[in-house]
């Protein structure tokens, strides 16, 4: 699984959780391309959005994370890097 695929999984999980910033076309495309990042705190995810993101990560990559674990990551890019590490990408 390459980094672009992982980033797409993250965006789709955020969109499923109705995180507004993730569905903006300019952010979506740039994040998937790896040219922008966002602090997780700046996404203002509620508990449902965090759960949707974790579900998308597990279904898309096989990496299991609990919503509370998301707090360990400073940014979406950090989260993508951890998923890549765990999947051997």
C-alpha atoms as a PDB file:
ATOM      1  CA  UNK A   1       0.000   0.000   0.000  1.00  0.00           C
ATOM      2  CA  UNK A   2       1.541   3.293  -1.041  1.00  0.00           C
ATOM      3  CA  UNK A   3       1.349   6.636   0.720  1.00  0.00           C
ATOM      4  CA  UNK A   4      -1.216   8.034  -1.713  1.00  0.00           C
ATOM      5  CA  UNK A   5      -3.570   5.107  -0.982  1.00  0.00           C
ATOM      6  CA  UNK A   6      -3.152   5.624   2.756  1.00  0.00           C
ATOM      7  CA  UNK A   7      -3.846   9.342   2.435  1.00  0.00           C
ATOM      8  CA  UNK A   8      -6.957   8.587   0.382  1.00  0.00           C
ATOM      9  CA  UNK A   9      -8.209   6.231   3.107  1.00  0.00           C
ATOM     10  CA  UNK A  10      -7.727   8.988   5.687  1.00  0.00           C
ATOM     11  CA  UNK A  11      -9.620  11.567   3.620  1.00  0.00           C
ATOM     12  CA  UNK A  12     -12.463   9.151   2.951  1.00  0.00           C
ATOM     13  CA  UNK A  13     -12.686   8.347   6.661  1.00  0.00           C
ATOM     14  CA  UNK A  14     -12.832  12.026   7.514  1.00  0.00           C
ATOM     15  CA  UNK A  15     -15.504  12.602   4.884  1.00  0.00           C
ATOM     16  CA  UNK A  16     -17.551   9.706   6.339  1.00  0.00           C
ATOM     17  CA  UNK A  17     -17.307  11.471   9.692  1.00  0.00           C
ATOM     18  CA  UNK A  18     -18.530  14.732   8.114  1.00  0.00           C
ATOM     19  CA  UNK A  19     -15.294  16.613   8.815  1.00  0.00           C
ATOM     20  CA  UNK A  20     -15.796  19.745   6.735  1.00  0.00           C
ATOM     21  CA  UNK A  21     -12.151  20.573   6.039  1.00  0.00           C
ATOM     22  CA  UNK A  22     -11.525  17.125   4.552  1.00  0.00           C
ATOM     23  CA  UNK A  23     -14.165  17.515   1.872  1.00  0.00           C
ATOM     24  CA  UNK A  24     -12.915  20.855   0.596  1.00  0.00           C
ATOM     25  CA  UNK A  25     -11.535  20.119  -2.864  1.00  0.00           C
ATOM     26  CA  UNK A  26      -8.369  22.147  -2.400  1.00  0.00           C
ATOM     27  CA  UNK A  27      -7.422  20.399   0.856  1.00  0.00           C
ATOM     28  CA  UNK A  28      -8.530  16.937  -0.268  1.00  0.00           C
ATOM     29  CA  UNK A  29      -6.412  16.870  -3.410  1.00  0.00           C
ATOM     30  CA  UNK A  30      -3.386  18.502  -1.841  1.00  0.00           C
ATOM     31  CA  UNK A  31      -3.385  16.174   1.166  1.00  0.00           C
ATOM     32  CA  UNK A  32      -3.679  13.087  -1.023  1.00  0.00           C
ATOM     33  CA  UNK A  33      -0.817  14.413  -3.165  1.00  0.00           C
ATOM     34  CA  UNK A  34       1.247  14.968  -0.016  1.00  0.00           C
ATOM     35  CA  UNK A  35       1.677  18.715  -0.467  1.00  0.00           C
ATOM     36  CA  UNK A  36      -0.310  19.842   2.604  1.00  0.00           C
ATOM     37  CA  UNK A  37      -0.929  18.499   6.075  1.00  0.00           C
ATOM     38  CA  UNK A  38      -3.222  19.403   8.939  1.00  0.00           C
ATOM     39  CA  UNK A  39      -2.972  19.170  12.681  1.00  0.00           C
ATOM     40  CA  UNK A  40      -5.554  16.674  13.892  1.00  0.00           C
ATOM     41  CA  UNK A  41      -6.793  19.203  16.453  1.00  0.00           C
ATOM     42  CA  UNK A  42      -7.524  21.676  13.646  1.00  0.00           C
ATOM     43  CA  UNK A  43      -9.987  19.210  12.125  1.00  0.00           C
ATOM     44  CA  UNK A  44     -12.253  19.533  15.187  1.00  0.00           C
ATOM     45  CA  UNK A  45     -13.400  15.906  15.036  1.00  0.00           C
ATOM     46  CA  UNK A  46     -16.175  14.795  17.329  1.00  0.00           C
ATOM     47  CA  UNK A  47     -16.317  11.249  18.698  1.00  0.00           C
ATOM     48  CA  UNK A  48     -18.329   9.974  15.718  1.00  0.00           C
ATOM     49  CA  UNK A  49     -15.805  11.414  13.254  1.00  0.00           C
ATOM     50  CA  UNK A  50     -12.951   9.764  15.142  1.00  0.00           C
ATOM     51  CA  UNK A  51     -14.767   6.431  15.067  1.00  0.00           C
ATOM     52  CA  UNK A  52     -15.468   6.763  11.333  1.00  0.00           C
ATOM     53  CA  UNK A  53     -11.807   7.531  10.706  1.00  0.00           C
ATOM     54  CA  UNK A  54     -10.662   4.499  12.710  1.00  0.00           C
ATOM     55  CA  UNK A  55     -13.123   2.253  10.866  1.00  0.00           C
ATOM     56  CA  UNK A  56     -11.907   3.535   7.490  1.00  0.00           C
ATOM     57  CA  UNK A  57      -8.294   2.931   8.512  1.00  0.00           C
ATOM     58  CA  UNK A  58      -9.003  -0.640   9.606  1.00  0.00           C
ATOM     59  CA  UNK A  59     -11.125  -1.541   6.580  1.00  0.00           C
ATOM     60  CA  UNK A  60      -8.766   0.124   4.114  1.00  0.00           C
ATOM     61  CA  UNK A  61      -5.399  -0.864   5.538  1.00  0.00           C
ATOM     62  CA  UNK A  62      -5.929  -3.545   8.164  1.00  0.00           C
ATOM     63  CA  UNK A  63      -4.428  -1.303  10.853  1.00  0.00           C
ATOM     64  CA  UNK A  64      -6.566  -1.218  13.985  1.00  0.00           C
ATOM     65  CA  UNK A  65      -6.621   1.982  16.024  1.00  0.00           C
ATOM     66  CA  UNK A  66      -8.946   3.017  18.830  1.00  0.00           C
ATOM     67  CA  UNK A  67     -10.305   6.566  18.612  1.00  0.00           C
ATOM     68  CA  UNK A  68      -8.370   7.516  21.773  1.00  0.00           C
ATOM     69  CA  UNK A  69      -5.114   6.589  20.048  1.00  0.00           C
ATOM     70  CA  UNK A  70      -5.573   9.359  17.489  1.00  0.00           C
ATOM     71  CA  UNK A  71      -4.475  11.853  20.143  1.00  0.00           C
ATOM     72  CA  UNK A  72      -0.924  10.465  19.878  1.00  0.00           C
ATOM     73  CA  UNK A  73      -0.552  11.924  16.402  1.00  0.00           C
ATOM     74  CA  UNK A  74       0.051  15.599  15.844  1.00  0.00           C
ATOM     75  CA  UNK A  75      -1.104  15.654  12.256  1.00  0.00           C
ATOM     76  CA  UNK A  76      -2.779  13.656   9.530  1.00  0.00           C
ATOM     77  CA  UNK A  77       0.632  13.242   7.938  1.00  0.00           C
ATOM     78  CA  UNK A  78       1.967  11.697  11.150  1.00  0.00           C
ATOM     79  CA  UNK A  79      -0.992   9.318  11.182  1.00  0.00           C
ATOM     80  CA  UNK A  80      -0.384   8.388   7.527  1.00  0.00           C
ATOM     81  CA  UNK A  81       3.277   7.695   8.311  1.00  0.00           C
ATOM     82  CA  UNK A  82       2.328   5.402  11.197  1.00  0.00           C
ATOM     83  CA  UNK A  83      -0.099   3.458   9.021  1.00  0.00           C
ATOM     84  CA  UNK A  84       2.594   3.142   6.353  1.00  0.00           C
ATOM     85  CA  UNK A  85       5.029   1.868   8.982  1.00  0.00           C
ATOM     86  CA  UNK A  86       2.558  -0.711  10.271  1.00  0.00           C
ATOM     87  CA  UNK A  87       1.681  -1.959   6.787  1.00  0.00           C
ATOM     88  CA  UNK A  88       5.252  -2.014   5.584  1.00  0.00           C
ATOM     89  CA  UNK A  89       4.543   0.551   2.883  1.00  0.00           C
END
